[in-house]
């Protein structure tokens, strides 16, 4: 358990908030809980995502957007 704890703690220490922007369709809708600080202006969605690096932040936002109803 000690190694797993150290791994988790190291990840937490290295989290950074990234601003990710994506273009969305005009008819984009979703409902429910949003796990990010998010704003939509026109066709641009901007989200603040906590991740270890920018690529992970983009991945996490895309995963959320693909799984919205």
Protein backbone atom coordinates (compact mmCIF):
# COMPACT_ATOMS: atom_id res chain seq x y z
CA UNK A 1 0.00 0.00 0.00
CA UNK A 2 2.91 2.37 0.62
CA UNK A 3 3.95 2.51 -3.04
CA UNK A 4 0.40 3.10 -4.23
CA UNK A 5 -0.04 5.87 -1.65
CA UNK A 6 3.21 7.51 -2.79
CA UNK A 7 2.08 7.27 -6.42
CA UNK A 8 -1.26 8.96 -5.66
CA UNK A 9 0.37 11.67 -3.55
CA UNK A 10 2.93 12.39 -6.29
CA UNK A 11 0.11 12.73 -8.83
CA UNK A 12 -1.79 15.12 -6.56
CA UNK A 13 1.32 17.27 -6.05
CA UNK A 14 1.83 17.53 -9.82
CA UNK A 15 -1.69 18.54 -10.79
CA UNK A 16 -1.99 21.83 -12.63
CA UNK A 17 -5.06 23.72 -13.83
CA UNK A 18 -5.11 24.00 -17.64
CA UNK A 19 -7.43 26.09 -19.79
CA UNK A 20 -8.69 24.03 -22.70
CA UNK A 21 -10.72 25.49 -25.57
CA UNK A 22 -12.73 23.49 -28.09
CA UNK A 23 -15.18 24.42 -30.84
CA UNK A 24 -18.65 23.00 -30.34
CA UNK A 25 -21.63 22.70 -32.70
CA UNK A 26 -24.32 25.39 -32.41
CA UNK A 27 -26.90 22.83 -31.24
CA UNK A 28 -24.66 21.46 -28.47
CA UNK A 29 -26.57 20.73 -25.25
CA UNK A 30 -25.91 18.81 -22.07
CA UNK A 31 -27.47 18.39 -18.68
CA UNK A 32 -26.27 17.25 -15.32
CA UNK A 33 -23.16 17.84 -13.29
CA UNK A 34 -20.19 19.50 -15.00
CA UNK A 35 -16.86 18.46 -13.45
CA UNK A 36 -15.04 21.57 -14.69
CA UNK A 37 -15.25 25.33 -14.44
CA UNK A 38 -16.70 25.82 -17.90
CA UNK A 39 -17.94 28.70 -20.04
CA UNK A 40 -19.47 28.71 -23.54
CA UNK A 41 -19.20 31.81 -25.70
CA UNK A 42 -20.69 31.37 -29.15
CA UNK A 43 -19.18 28.18 -30.50
CA UNK A 44 -16.16 28.17 -28.16
CA UNK A 45 -16.22 26.12 -24.98
CA UNK A 46 -13.50 26.97 -22.47
CA UNK A 47 -12.91 24.69 -19.51
CA UNK A 48 -10.45 24.77 -16.64
CA UNK A 49 -9.28 21.20 -16.14
CA UNK A 50 -6.97 19.84 -13.42
CA UNK A 51 -4.47 17.36 -14.86
CA UNK A 52 -0.82 16.32 -14.78
CA UNK A 53 -0.20 17.76 -18.26
CA UNK A 54 -2.05 19.54 -21.05
CA UNK A 55 -2.61 16.36 -23.07
CA UNK A 56 -4.36 14.74 -20.10
CA UNK A 57 -6.50 17.88 -19.66
CA UNK A 58 -7.60 17.74 -23.31
CA UNK A 59 -8.31 14.01 -22.98
CA UNK A 60 -10.41 14.49 -19.83
CA UNK A 61 -12.48 17.28 -21.42
CA UNK A 62 -13.03 15.27 -24.61
CA UNK A 63 -14.08 12.22 -22.59
CA UNK A 64 -16.63 14.34 -20.73
CA UNK A 65 -17.99 15.92 -23.93
CA UNK A 66 -18.30 12.58 -25.73
CA UNK A 67 -20.30 11.11 -22.86
CA UNK A 68 -22.83 13.92 -22.46
CA UNK A 69 -26.45 13.39 -23.46
